[in-house]
Every structure is written in structure tokens, then in C-alpha cells.
Amino acid sequence: MGKTYFLKVSIDTGIKRPNVEIEDSRIKVYSPSEGKKEIKDALRRWYRGKAQQVIEDRIKGLLEFSEKRPSVLKAKEQKKRWGSCTHHSRIYINWRIVMTPPAIIDYVLAHELSHLYYRDHSVEFWEKVSTFIPDYKKRRNWLRKNSVKIEL
């Protein structure tokens, strides 16, 4: 949600699977081993779960202004996109978006909701985005400038 956290890894040979929690300004990973892949996978699973919760919560406010609803709303792994909308009205959001500030999450959700109306990036599409997020250009620019920083 746009905050910076320090990572603390603690080895606990008494557990079978790594687990993750936030405490103050730290993300703590408890792992049965020092394996980087295992720790990174645990963080990825944790973020993905949090992303699903966050996008479900944040879309509620936007849906008040929309006659159309996604058939599916899911956080998933996407290498090159922040979101996508299928012809079957399924919206998929890159789980990494949960690392950005709430205003950016809202922009990505509004962008994908607008694709329920317009499947392209036409003038009408951007007008629809602006009905959800009037300052969408500012948020889109933030995402373009900062997207390289949003990685595990």
C-alpha cells in the first residue's frame, strides 16, 4: 500500500513451511531454511493473498459508479501488465499492485473497469476512466515512473 518495510528473515527449523507477517515497519518471514527461493515464494504467496483482499475491498467504491460488473476479479501473476480485462468481463490484476499507494490501485482498477465498456484505448475509453478517476493521468504517470521499483 505504498509503504516501505524492512525485511527480517528468521530461521525456525520447527516449522514445515515459511510464513509471513507484518510487525511495525517490518515484514517478517519465518522459514525452516535459509533458501532464498523458499523465502521469495513465501513472500509472493503472502502478497498475492493480500492483493486479492485489497482489490476486492477497493473496487467496492468504484462499483458504485458503474453499471457493469466483472464476472471475475482476481489477483494473479502478470509479468508485463498491471491488469487485464477479457471479453468475458474477467478482470485480472497483477498482485504486485498491492505494493503501490491506494490511489494507484484505484487507477488500475478503474482502468480495467473501463474496459468493460470499451475494449480499446479510444478517446471514449479515457473519458470513462476519468469518470472514475479525474486525475488518472497523474496516477498513470506515477505508475510509469515507479513501476521498476515494484518487485520482490
N, C-alpha and C. Protein backbone atom coordinates (compact mmCIF):
# COMPACT_ATOMS: atom_id res chain seq x y z
N MET A 1 0.82 -1.19 0.00
CA MET A 1 0.00 0.00 0.00
C MET A 1 0.87 1.26 0.00
N GLY A 2 2.03 1.17 -0.64
CA GLY A 2 2.88 2.34 -0.80
C GLY A 2 3.83 2.60 0.34
N LYS A 3 3.84 1.75 1.34
CA LYS A 3 4.74 1.94 2.48
C LYS A 3 6.02 1.15 2.26
N THR A 4 7.10 1.59 2.92
CA THR A 4 8.37 0.89 2.86
C THR A 4 8.52 0.04 4.12
N TYR A 5 8.89 -1.20 3.92
CA TYR A 5 9.09 -2.11 5.04
C TYR A 5 10.49 -2.70 4.95
N PHE A 6 11.05 -3.01 6.11
CA PHE A 6 12.31 -3.72 6.18
C PHE A 6 11.99 -5.21 6.25
N LEU A 7 12.81 -6.01 5.63
CA LEU A 7 12.61 -7.45 5.63
C LEU A 7 13.47 -8.08 6.72
N LYS A 8 12.85 -8.91 7.53
CA LYS A 8 13.58 -9.66 8.55
C LYS A 8 13.25 -11.13 8.35
N VAL A 9 14.27 -11.93 8.16
CA VAL A 9 14.10 -13.36 7.98
C VAL A 9 14.61 -14.06 9.24
N SER A 10 13.77 -14.91 9.79
CA SER A 10 14.15 -15.71 10.96
C SER A 10 14.04 -17.18 10.60
N ILE A 11 15.08 -17.93 10.90
CA ILE A 11 15.08 -19.36 10.64
C ILE A 11 14.48 -20.08 11.84
N ASP A 12 13.48 -20.91 11.56
CA ASP A 12 12.81 -21.68 12.60
C ASP A 12 12.68 -23.11 12.08
N THR A 13 13.58 -23.97 12.49
CA THR A 13 13.60 -25.34 11.98
C THR A 13 12.40 -26.16 12.48
N GLY A 14 11.62 -25.60 13.39
CA GLY A 14 10.46 -26.29 13.92
C GLY A 14 9.20 -26.15 13.06
N ILE A 15 9.28 -25.36 12.00
CA ILE A 15 8.12 -25.21 11.12
C ILE A 15 8.37 -25.91 9.80
N LYS A 16 7.29 -26.28 9.12
CA LYS A 16 7.43 -27.00 7.85
C LYS A 16 7.44 -26.06 6.65
N ARG A 17 6.69 -24.97 6.75
CA ARG A 17 6.54 -24.03 5.64
C ARG A 17 6.79 -22.62 6.13
N PRO A 18 7.38 -21.77 5.30
CA PRO A 18 7.58 -20.39 5.71
C PRO A 18 6.24 -19.67 5.93
N ASN A 19 6.24 -18.72 6.83
CA ASN A 19 5.07 -17.87 6.97
C ASN A 19 5.53 -16.42 7.10
N VAL A 20 4.62 -15.52 6.80
CA VAL A 20 4.94 -14.09 6.70
C VAL A 20 3.96 -13.31 7.56
N GLU A 21 4.47 -12.27 8.20
CA GLU A 21 3.60 -11.35 8.94
C GLU A 21 4.23 -9.96 8.94
N ILE A 22 3.38 -8.97 9.15
CA ILE A 22 3.86 -7.59 9.28
C ILE A 22 3.83 -7.22 10.75
N GLU A 23 4.92 -6.62 11.18
CA GLU A 23 5.00 -6.13 12.55
C GLU A 23 5.70 -4.78 12.50
N ASP A 24 4.99 -3.75 12.88
CA ASP A 24 5.51 -2.38 12.82
C ASP A 24 5.97 -2.06 11.40
N SER A 25 7.23 -1.74 11.23
CA SER A 25 7.74 -1.39 9.90
C SER A 25 8.55 -2.52 9.29
N ARG A 26 8.25 -3.74 9.70
CA ARG A 26 8.98 -4.91 9.20
C ARG A 26 8.02 -5.95 8.62
N ILE A 27 8.48 -6.56 7.56
CA ILE A 27 7.86 -7.78 7.07
C ILE A 27 8.75 -8.90 7.57
N LYS A 28 8.16 -9.77 8.37
CA LYS A 28 8.93 -10.87 8.95
C LYS A 28 8.58 -12.17 8.24
N VAL A 29 9.62 -12.87 7.85
CA VAL A 29 9.46 -14.18 7.24
C VAL A 29 10.09 -15.19 8.18
N TYR A 30 9.30 -16.17 8.58
CA TYR A 30 9.79 -17.28 9.39
C TYR A 30 9.92 -18.47 8.45
N SER A 31 11.11 -19.00 8.35
CA SER A 31 11.38 -20.05 7.36
C SER A 31 12.13 -21.21 8.00
N PRO A 32 11.84 -22.43 7.55
CA PRO A 32 12.58 -23.58 8.08
C PRO A 32 14.01 -23.67 7.56
N SER A 33 14.33 -22.88 6.51
CA SER A 33 15.69 -22.90 5.97
C SER A 33 16.04 -21.51 5.43
N GLU A 34 17.31 -21.36 5.04
CA GLU A 34 17.78 -20.08 4.51
C GLU A 34 17.61 -19.98 2.99
N GLY A 35 16.92 -20.91 2.39
CA GLY A 35 16.78 -20.93 0.93
C GLY A 35 16.09 -19.68 0.40
N LYS A 36 16.80 -18.94 -0.46
CA LYS A 36 16.25 -17.69 -0.99
C LYS A 36 14.97 -17.93 -1.79
N LYS A 37 14.94 -18.99 -2.57
CA LYS A 37 13.75 -19.27 -3.38
C LYS A 37 12.55 -19.54 -2.48
N GLU A 38 12.75 -20.30 -1.43
CA GLU A 38 11.67 -20.62 -0.50
C GLU A 38 11.12 -19.36 0.18
N ILE A 39 12.02 -18.47 0.56
CA ILE A 39 11.62 -17.22 1.20
C ILE A 39 10.89 -16.32 0.21
N LYS A 40 11.43 -16.21 -0.99
CA LYS A 40 10.80 -15.38 -2.02
C LYS A 40 9.42 -15.92 -2.39
N ASP A 41 9.30 -17.23 -2.50
CA ASP A 41 8.00 -17.84 -2.81
C ASP A 41 6.99 -17.57 -1.69
N ALA A 42 7.45 -17.60 -0.45
CA ALA A 42 6.56 -17.32 0.68
C ALA A 42 6.06 -15.87 0.61
N LEU A 43 6.98 -14.95 0.31
CA LEU A 43 6.58 -13.55 0.17
C LEU A 43 5.59 -13.37 -0.99
N ARG A 44 5.86 -14.02 -2.09
CA ARG A 44 4.97 -13.93 -3.26
C ARG A 44 3.57 -14.44 -2.90
N ARG A 45 3.47 -15.58 -2.23
CA ARG A 45 2.16 -16.12 -1.83
C ARG A 45 1.44 -15.15 -0.89
N TRP A 46 2.19 -14.61 0.05
CA TRP A 46 1.60 -13.69 1.03
C TRP A 46 1.08 -12.43 0.34
N TYR A 47 1.91 -11.83 -0.52
CA TYR A 47 1.49 -10.63 -1.24
C TYR A 47 0.28 -10.92 -2.12
N ARG A 48 0.28 -12.04 -2.76
CA ARG A 48 -0.83 -12.38 -3.65
C ARG A 48 -2.14 -12.49 -2.87
N GLY A 49 -2.09 -13.10 -1.70
CA GLY A 49 -3.27 -13.18 -0.85
C GLY A 49 -3.73 -11.81 -0.38
N LYS A 50 -2.79 -10.98 0.01
CA LYS A 50 -3.12 -9.62 0.43
C LYS A 50 -3.70 -8.82 -0.73
N ALA A 51 -3.12 -9.01 -1.91
CA ALA A 51 -3.60 -8.28 -3.09
C ALA A 51 -5.05 -8.63 -3.38
N GLN A 52 -5.41 -9.89 -3.26
CA GLN A 52 -6.80 -10.28 -3.51
C GLN A 52 -7.74 -9.56 -2.56
N GLN A 53 -7.38 -9.51 -1.29
CA GLN A 53 -8.21 -8.82 -0.30
C GLN A 53 -8.33 -7.33 -0.62
N VAL A 54 -7.19 -6.71 -0.93
CA VAL A 54 -7.16 -5.27 -1.19
C VAL A 54 -7.97 -4.92 -2.43
N ILE A 55 -7.80 -5.65 -3.53
CA ILE A 55 -8.53 -5.27 -4.74
C ILE A 55 -10.04 -5.50 -4.56
N GLU A 56 -10.41 -6.52 -3.82
CA GLU A 56 -11.84 -6.73 -3.56
C GLU A 56 -12.42 -5.59 -2.72
N ASP A 57 -11.66 -5.13 -1.74
CA ASP A 57 -12.12 -4.02 -0.91
C ASP A 57 -12.16 -2.71 -1.69
N ARG A 58 -11.12 -2.43 -2.47
CA ARG A 58 -11.01 -1.13 -3.14
C ARG A 58 -11.97 -1.00 -4.31
N ILE A 59 -12.33 -2.09 -4.95
CA ILE A 59 -13.22 -1.98 -6.11
C ILE A 59 -14.65 -1.61 -5.69
N LYS A 60 -15.01 -1.88 -4.45
CA LYS A 60 -16.37 -1.60 -3.98
C LYS A 60 -16.75 -0.14 -4.20
N GLY A 61 -15.85 0.78 -3.88
CA GLY A 61 -16.14 2.20 -4.06
C GLY A 61 -16.30 2.57 -5.53
N LEU A 62 -15.52 1.96 -6.39
CA LEU A 62 -15.61 2.25 -7.83
C LEU A 62 -16.89 1.67 -8.44
N LEU A 63 -17.31 0.53 -7.94
CA LEU A 63 -18.51 -0.10 -8.49
C LEU A 63 -19.78 0.71 -8.24
N GLU A 64 -19.73 1.61 -7.27
CA GLU A 64 -20.88 2.50 -7.03
C GLU A 64 -21.16 3.37 -8.25
N PHE A 65 -20.14 3.59 -9.08
CA PHE A 65 -20.26 4.46 -10.25
C PHE A 65 -20.30 3.67 -11.56
N SER A 66 -20.55 2.38 -11.47
CA SER A 66 -20.51 1.53 -12.66
C SER A 66 -21.76 0.67 -12.76
N GLU A 67 -22.35 0.65 -13.94
CA GLU A 67 -23.49 -0.24 -14.16
C GLU A 67 -23.01 -1.66 -14.45
N LYS A 68 -21.79 -1.79 -14.91
CA LYS A 68 -21.24 -3.10 -15.28
C LYS A 68 -20.37 -3.65 -14.16
N ARG A 69 -20.35 -4.96 -14.07
CA ARG A 69 -19.58 -5.66 -13.04
C ARG A 69 -18.69 -6.70 -13.70
N PRO A 70 -17.50 -6.91 -13.14
CA PRO A 70 -16.67 -8.00 -13.67
C PRO A 70 -17.28 -9.35 -13.28
N SER A 71 -17.14 -10.33 -14.15
CA SER A 71 -17.62 -11.68 -13.81
C SER A 71 -16.65 -12.36 -12.85
N VAL A 72 -15.39 -11.98 -12.95
CA VAL A 72 -14.32 -12.49 -12.07
C VAL A 72 -13.41 -11.31 -11.76
N LEU A 73 -12.95 -11.22 -10.53
CA LEU A 73 -11.94 -10.23 -10.14
C LEU A 73 -10.88 -11.00 -9.37
N LYS A 74 -9.68 -11.08 -9.94
CA LYS A 74 -8.67 -11.95 -9.34
C LYS A 74 -7.28 -11.33 -9.43
N ALA A 75 -6.53 -11.45 -8.34
CA ALA A 75 -5.12 -11.08 -8.33
C ALA A 75 -4.34 -12.27 -8.88
N LYS A 76 -3.44 -12.00 -9.80
CA LYS A 76 -2.65 -13.10 -10.36
C LYS A 76 -1.29 -12.60 -10.82
N GLU A 77 -0.45 -13.53 -11.17
CA GLU A 77 0.89 -13.23 -11.68
C GLU A 77 0.76 -12.71 -13.11
N GLN A 78 1.29 -11.53 -13.34
CA GLN A 78 1.35 -10.96 -14.69
C GLN A 78 2.71 -10.29 -14.82
N LYS A 79 3.48 -10.72 -15.75
CA LYS A 79 4.85 -10.22 -15.89
C LYS A 79 4.91 -8.80 -16.44
N LYS A 80 4.06 -8.48 -17.41
CA LYS A 80 4.21 -7.22 -18.12
C LYS A 80 3.01 -6.29 -18.03
N ARG A 81 1.98 -6.66 -17.31
CA ARG A 81 0.77 -5.84 -17.23
C ARG A 81 0.38 -5.62 -15.78
N TRP A 82 -0.27 -4.50 -15.55
CA TRP A 82 -0.82 -4.23 -14.23
C TRP A 82 -2.22 -4.80 -14.11
N GLY A 83 -2.89 -4.95 -15.24
CA GLY A 83 -4.22 -5.52 -15.21
C GLY A 83 -4.63 -5.94 -16.61
N SER A 84 -5.69 -6.72 -16.67
CA SER A 84 -6.25 -7.11 -17.96
C SER A 84 -7.74 -7.38 -17.77
N CYS A 85 -8.47 -7.24 -18.87
CA CYS A 85 -9.90 -7.48 -18.87
C CYS A 85 -10.22 -8.31 -20.11
N THR A 86 -10.84 -9.46 -19.91
CA THR A 86 -11.14 -10.35 -21.02
C THR A 86 -12.49 -9.99 -21.64
N HIS A 87 -12.78 -10.60 -22.78
CA HIS A 87 -14.07 -10.40 -23.44
C HIS A 87 -15.22 -11.02 -22.64
N HIS A 88 -14.88 -11.84 -21.67
CA HIS A 88 -15.89 -12.44 -20.80
C HIS A 88 -16.03 -11.64 -19.49
N SER A 89 -15.52 -10.41 -19.50
CA SER A 89 -15.62 -9.49 -18.35
C SER A 89 -14.86 -9.97 -17.12
N ARG A 90 -13.84 -10.76 -17.34
CA ARG A 90 -12.97 -11.18 -16.23
C ARG A 90 -11.86 -10.16 -16.09
N ILE A 91 -11.69 -9.67 -14.88
CA ILE A 91 -10.62 -8.70 -14.62
C ILE A 91 -9.56 -9.38 -13.77
N TYR A 92 -8.32 -9.32 -14.27
CA TYR A 92 -7.17 -9.86 -13.56
C TYR A 92 -6.23 -8.70 -13.25
N ILE A 93 -5.80 -8.64 -12.01
CA ILE A 93 -4.92 -7.57 -11.54
C ILE A 93 -3.60 -8.18 -11.08
N ASN A 94 -2.51 -7.58 -11.51
CA ASN A 94 -1.18 -8.02 -11.09
C ASN A 94 -1.08 -7.89 -9.57
N TRP A 95 -0.72 -8.96 -8.90
CA TRP A 95 -0.67 -8.94 -7.43
C TRP A 95 0.32 -7.91 -6.90
N ARG A 96 1.30 -7.52 -7.69
CA ARG A 96 2.29 -6.55 -7.23
C ARG A 96 1.69 -5.16 -6.99
N ILE A 97 0.50 -4.93 -7.53
CA ILE A 97 -0.13 -3.61 -7.37
C ILE A 97 -0.35 -3.28 -5.90
N VAL A 98 -0.44 -4.31 -5.05
CA VAL A 98 -0.65 -4.08 -3.62
C VAL A 98 0.54 -3.36 -2.99
N MET A 99 1.67 -3.31 -3.68
CA MET A 99 2.84 -2.60 -3.18
C MET A 99 2.76 -1.10 -3.43
N THR A 100 1.80 -0.67 -4.24
CA THR A 100 1.68 0.74 -4.60
C THR A 100 0.70 1.45 -3.66
N PRO A 101 0.70 2.79 -3.67
CA PRO A 101 -0.28 3.52 -2.85
C PRO A 101 -1.71 3.24 -3.30
N PRO A 102 -2.67 3.39 -2.39
CA PRO A 102 -4.08 3.13 -2.72
C PRO A 102 -4.58 3.89 -3.96
N ALA A 103 -4.12 5.10 -4.17
CA ALA A 103 -4.57 5.88 -5.34
C ALA A 103 -4.17 5.19 -6.64
N ILE A 104 -3.04 4.52 -6.65
CA ILE A 104 -2.58 3.82 -7.85
C ILE A 104 -3.38 2.54 -8.05
N ILE A 105 -3.67 1.84 -6.97
CA ILE A 105 -4.52 0.65 -7.06
C ILE A 105 -5.87 1.03 -7.65
N ASP A 106 -6.43 2.12 -7.17
CA ASP A 106 -7.73 2.58 -7.68
C ASP A 106 -7.65 2.92 -9.16
N TYR A 107 -6.56 3.54 -9.59
CA TYR A 107 -6.41 3.86 -11.02
C TYR A 107 -6.41 2.58 -11.86
N VAL A 108 -5.65 1.58 -11.46
CA VAL A 108 -5.58 0.34 -12.24
C VAL A 108 -6.95 -0.33 -12.27
N LEU A 109 -7.64 -0.35 -11.15
CA LEU A 109 -8.98 -0.94 -11.12
C LEU A 109 -9.94 -0.16 -12.02
N ALA A 110 -9.89 1.16 -11.97
CA ALA A 110 -10.76 1.99 -12.82
C ALA A 110 -10.44 1.76 -14.29
N HIS A 111 -9.17 1.63 -14.61
CA HIS A 111 -8.74 1.37 -15.98
C HIS A 111 -9.39 0.07 -16.49
N GLU A 112 -9.27 -0.98 -15.69
CA GLU A 112 -9.82 -2.26 -16.12
C GLU A 112 -11.35 -2.25 -16.12
N LEU A 113 -11.97 -1.59 -15.17
CA LEU A 113 -13.43 -1.45 -15.19
C LEU A 113 -13.90 -0.73 -16.46
N SER A 114 -13.13 0.24 -16.89
CA SER A 114 -13.49 0.98 -18.10
C SER A 114 -13.44 0.09 -19.33
N HIS A 115 -12.63 -0.96 -19.28
CA HIS A 115 -12.59 -1.91 -20.40
C HIS A 115 -13.88 -2.75 -20.48
N LEU A 116 -14.68 -2.76 -19.44
CA LEU A 116 -15.98 -3.42 -19.54
C LEU A 116 -16.90 -2.66 -20.50
N TYR A 117 -16.62 -1.37 -20.67
CA TYR A 117 -17.39 -0.51 -21.56
C TYR A 117 -16.75 -0.39 -22.94
N TYR A 118 -15.44 -0.22 -22.96
CA TYR A 118 -14.69 -0.02 -24.20
C TYR A 118 -13.49 -0.95 -24.18
N ARG A 119 -13.37 -1.79 -25.18
CA ARG A 119 -12.31 -2.80 -25.21
C ARG A 119 -10.98 -2.26 -25.74
N ASP A 120 -10.96 -1.01 -26.12
CA ASP A 120 -9.75 -0.40 -26.68
C ASP A 120 -9.30 0.76 -25.79
N HIS A 121 -8.36 1.54 -26.28
CA HIS A 121 -7.91 2.74 -25.56
C HIS A 121 -8.30 3.98 -26.35
N SER A 122 -9.54 4.03 -26.76
CA SER A 122 -10.08 5.15 -27.53
C SER A 122 -10.30 6.37 -26.64
N VAL A 123 -10.65 7.46 -27.27
CA VAL A 123 -10.97 8.68 -26.52
C VAL A 123 -12.12 8.40 -25.55
N GLU A 124 -13.11 7.66 -25.99
CA GLU A 124 -14.25 7.32 -25.13
C GLU A 124 -13.81 6.50 -23.91
N PHE A 125 -12.86 5.59 -24.15
CA PHE A 125 -12.33 4.80 -23.05
C PHE A 125 -11.73 5.72 -21.98
N TRP A 126 -10.84 6.63 -22.40
CA TRP A 126 -10.18 7.51 -21.43
C TRP A 126 -11.17 8.44 -20.75
N GLU A 127 -12.23 8.83 -21.46
CA GLU A 127 -13.29 9.63 -20.83
C GLU A 127 -13.97 8.82 -19.73
N LYS A 128 -14.16 7.52 -19.98
CA LYS A 128 -14.77 6.66 -18.96
C LYS A 128 -13.84 6.53 -17.76
N VAL A 129 -12.55 6.35 -18.00
CA VAL A 129 -11.59 6.28 -16.89
C VAL A 129 -11.69 7.55 -16.05
N SER A 130 -11.80 8.69 -16.72
CA SER A 130 -11.85 9.97 -15.99
C SER A 130 -13.13 10.13 -15.17
N THR A 131 -14.21 9.40 -15.51
CA THR A 131 -15.40 9.46 -14.67
C THR A 131 -15.16 8.76 -13.33
N PHE A 132 -14.28 7.77 -13.33
CA PHE A 132 -13.91 7.09 -12.09
C PHE A 132 -12.80 7.85 -11.36
N ILE A 133 -11.79 8.26 -12.12
CA ILE A 133 -10.57 8.86 -11.56
C ILE A 133 -10.24 10.12 -12.37
N PRO A 134 -10.74 11.28 -11.95
CA PRO A 134 -10.49 12.50 -12.74
C PRO A 134 -9.01 12.82 -12.96
N ASP A 135 -8.14 12.49 -12.00
CA ASP A 135 -6.71 12.77 -12.16
C ASP A 135 -5.93 11.53 -12.61
N TYR A 136 -6.54 10.71 -13.44
CA TYR A 136 -5.92 9.45 -13.86
C TYR A 136 -4.57 9.65 -14.53
N LYS A 137 -4.37 10.77 -15.24
CA LYS A 137 -3.09 10.98 -15.93
C LYS A 137 -1.94 11.07 -14.93
N LYS A 138 -2.18 11.76 -13.84
CA LYS A 138 -1.17 11.88 -12.79
C LYS A 138 -0.83 10.50 -12.21
N ARG A 139 -1.83 9.70 -11.97
CA ARG A 139 -1.63 8.37 -11.39
C ARG A 139 -0.96 7.44 -12.40
N ARG A 140 -1.36 7.53 -13.65
CA ARG A 140 -0.74 6.71 -14.70
C ARG A 140 0.74 7.06 -14.82
N ASN A 141 1.07 8.35 -14.76
CA ASN A 141 2.48 8.77 -14.82
C ASN A 141 3.26 8.26 -13.61
N TRP A 142 2.65 8.29 -12.43
CA TRP A 142 3.33 7.77 -11.25
C TRP A 142 3.68 6.30 -11.47
N LEU A 143 2.72 5.55 -11.98
CA LEU A 143 2.93 4.13 -12.20
C LEU A 143 4.03 3.88 -13.23
N ARG A 144 4.04 4.66 -14.28
CA ARG A 144 5.09 4.52 -15.31
C ARG A 144 6.47 4.79 -14.72
N LYS A 145 6.58 5.83 -13.91
CA LYS A 145 7.88 6.22 -13.34
C LYS A 145 8.36 5.25 -12.27
N ASN A 146 7.44 4.69 -11.52
CA ASN A 146 7.80 3.89 -10.34
C ASN A 146 7.67 2.39 -10.52
N SER A 147 7.18 1.94 -11.65
CA SER A 147 6.92 0.50 -11.81
C SER A 147 8.18 -0.35 -11.68
N VAL A 148 9.33 0.19 -12.05
CA VAL A 148 10.56 -0.62 -11.95
C VAL A 148 10.95 -0.89 -10.50
N LYS A 149 10.43 -0.12 -9.57
CA LYS A 149 10.75 -0.28 -8.16
C LYS A 149 9.85 -1.32 -7.47
N ILE A 150 8.81 -1.74 -8.15
CA ILE A 150 7.81 -2.60 -7.54
C ILE A 150 8.11 -4.05 -7.88
N GLU A 151 8.96 -4.64 -7.07
CA GLU A 151 9.42 -6.00 -7.32
C GLU A 151 9.90 -6.59 -6.02
N LEU A 152 9.86 -7.91 -5.93
CA LEU A 152 10.41 -8.60 -4.75
C LEU A 152 11.91 -8.75 -4.92
